[in-house]
Protein backbone atom coordinates (compact mmCIF):
# COMPACT_ATOMS: atom_id res chain seq x y z
CA MET A 1 139.00 -25.52 -4.98
CA LEU A 2 135.32 -25.33 -4.16
CA GLY A 3 132.88 -26.34 -6.83
CA GLU A 4 129.13 -25.99 -7.02
CA LEU A 5 126.79 -25.91 -4.05
CA LEU A 6 125.59 -29.53 -3.73
CA GLY A 7 122.91 -28.88 -1.16
CA GLU A 8 121.54 -27.01 1.80
CA THR A 9 119.50 -28.13 4.81
CA THR A 10 117.91 -26.65 7.91
CA GLY A 11 116.85 -28.52 11.01
CA LYS A 12 117.13 -28.87 14.75
CA ARG A 13 119.24 -30.51 17.40
CA ILE A 14 117.15 -33.26 19.02
CA GLY A 15 119.47 -34.65 21.66
CA ARG A 16 122.76 -34.26 23.50
CA ARG A 17 124.62 -36.45 25.95
CA VAL A 18 127.98 -36.38 27.64
CA LEU A 19 130.21 -39.33 26.73
CA SER A 20 133.20 -38.23 28.80
CA SER A 21 134.07 -35.33 31.08
CA GLU A 22 137.86 -35.55 30.77
CA PRO A 23 138.47 -34.60 28.05
CA PRO A 24 134.95 -33.26 27.41
CA LYS A 25 133.26 -35.38 24.74
CA VAL A 26 129.63 -34.81 23.73
CA GLU A 27 127.32 -36.68 21.35
CA VAL A 28 124.70 -34.67 19.42
CA SER A 29 121.80 -35.90 17.28
CA PHE A 30 119.86 -33.78 14.80
CA GLU A 31 117.15 -33.92 12.14
CA ASP A 32 117.03 -31.77 9.02
CA ASN A 33 115.31 -31.19 5.68
CA GLY A 34 116.51 -29.68 2.45
CA LYS A 35 117.88 -30.52 -0.97
CA MET A 36 120.95 -32.28 -2.34
CA LEU A 37 121.51 -32.16 -6.11
CA GLY A 38 118.01 -30.69 -6.37
CA VAL A 39 116.39 -33.71 -4.65
CA SER A 40 114.25 -32.98 -1.58
CA LEU A 41 115.48 -34.97 1.41
CA ALA A 42 114.76 -35.54 5.09
CA GLY A 43 117.77 -36.49 7.15
CA PHE A 44 119.10 -37.29 10.56
CA GLY A 45 122.54 -37.80 12.00
CA THR A 46 124.72 -38.08 15.06
CA TYR A 47 128.17 -36.70 15.73
CA SER A 48 130.49 -36.71 18.70
CA SER A 49 132.92 -33.92 19.50
CA ILE A 50 135.90 -33.61 21.77
CA VAL A 51 136.74 -30.20 23.19
CA ARG A 52 140.45 -29.64 22.70
CA PRO A 53 142.70 -27.81 25.20
CA ASP A 54 142.48 -24.57 23.19
CA GLY A 55 138.66 -24.62 23.34
CA THR A 56 138.08 -25.69 19.72
CA MET A 57 136.30 -28.95 18.89
CA TYR A 58 137.03 -31.92 16.66
CA GLY A 59 134.01 -33.98 15.65
CA GLU A 60 133.12 -37.08 13.64
CA GLY A 61 129.65 -38.10 12.57
CA GLU A 62 127.41 -40.07 10.30
CA GLY A 63 123.86 -39.94 9.08
CA VAL A 64 121.23 -40.81 6.51
CA MET A 65 119.16 -38.77 4.07
CA ILE A 66 115.93 -40.13 2.57
CA SER A 67 114.17 -38.76 -0.51
CA GLN A 68 110.40 -38.39 -0.75
CA ASP A 69 110.24 -41.58 -2.83
CA GLY A 70 112.30 -43.58 -0.30
CA GLU A 71 115.77 -43.49 -1.83
CA MET A 72 118.55 -43.31 0.74
CA CYS A 73 121.99 -41.78 0.94
CA SER A 74 124.33 -42.20 3.91
CA TRP A 75 127.23 -39.95 4.88
CA LYS A 76 130.25 -39.90 7.15
CA GLY A 77 132.33 -36.89 7.97
CA SER A 78 134.59 -34.96 10.26
CA GLY A 79 135.14 -31.33 11.10
CA LEU A 80 136.58 -28.65 13.31
CA GLY A 81 134.34 -26.43 15.36
CA LYS A 82 134.24 -23.51 17.71
CA PHE A 83 131.83 -22.16 20.29
CA LYS A 84 129.96 -18.95 19.60
CA GLU A 85 127.88 -16.60 21.71
CA GLY A 86 125.05 -18.10 23.77
CA GLY A 87 126.09 -21.71 23.24
CA ALA A 88 125.92 -21.65 19.45
CA VAL A 89 128.50 -23.72 17.55
CA SER A 90 130.06 -23.51 14.11
CA TYR A 91 131.79 -26.36 12.23
CA ARG A 92 133.71 -26.68 8.98
CA GLY A 93 134.63 -30.05 7.55
CA ILE A 94 134.25 -32.74 4.94
CA LEU A 95 131.61 -35.35 4.10
CA TYR A 96 131.74 -38.57 2.10
CA TYR A 97 128.58 -40.13 0.68
CA ARG A 98 127.32 -43.59 -0.25
CA THR A 99 124.12 -44.27 -2.17
CA ALA A 100 122.47 -46.67 -4.61
CA SER A 101 120.07 -43.92 -5.74
CA GLN A 102 120.39 -42.99 -9.40
CA LYS A 103 119.26 -39.43 -8.62
CA LEU A 104 122.02 -39.00 -6.02
CA ALA A 105 124.69 -41.27 -7.57
CA ARG A 106 127.00 -38.34 -8.28
CA LEU A 107 127.54 -38.00 -4.52
CA ASN A 108 129.43 -41.34 -4.53
CA ASN A 109 132.29 -39.60 -6.32
CA VAL A 110 132.61 -36.30 -4.49
CA ALA A 111 134.05 -35.00 -1.28
CA GLY A 112 131.61 -32.50 0.17
CA VAL A 113 133.02 -29.53 2.07
CA PHE A 114 130.51 -28.27 4.61
CA GLU A 115 129.56 -25.36 6.84
CA TYR A 116 127.37 -26.42 9.77
CA GLU A 117 125.88 -23.85 12.14
CA VAL A 118 123.82 -24.48 15.27
CA ASP A 119 122.31 -21.43 16.96
CA ALA A 120 121.72 -21.02 20.69
CA GLU A 121 118.21 -22.52 20.36
CA GLY A 122 119.47 -25.64 18.55
CA LYS A 123 118.39 -24.70 15.01
CA THR A 124 120.80 -26.06 12.38
CA HIS A 125 121.84 -24.81 8.95
CA THR A 126 124.15 -26.74 6.64
CA LYS A 127 125.63 -25.95 3.23
CA VAL A 128 127.72 -28.46 1.25
CA TRP A 129 129.93 -27.72 -1.76
CA GLU A 130 131.81 -30.08 -4.03
CA TRP A 131 135.56 -30.09 -3.35
CA LYS A 132 137.25 -30.22 -6.76
């Protein structure tokens, strides 16, 4: 069951590279800004995705979020994706967090279910809910 919305970010894809052509595996890096648990954060991350025979994607990634006062929170996750019109992509998956920040400490005990969208121009939008 989905719980409350933990956070939302917007950003941009900043790099892509091919790791393998058979099967196709691509690495993507991005930067974003937004809020988690009401705390303003700037973040960046990298994920790699394999295109499966049916055209869907499986990806794994990790990243870091930093608050305006320098507190950090790292995350790791995985998800399933699909291609959309014009080269856009859409993922759904799960994130796990690790932080020493008192403001973000609740994230240590939740699984975050996410929606991650990248449009054809590389703009990103992420929403994360608590999975209860």
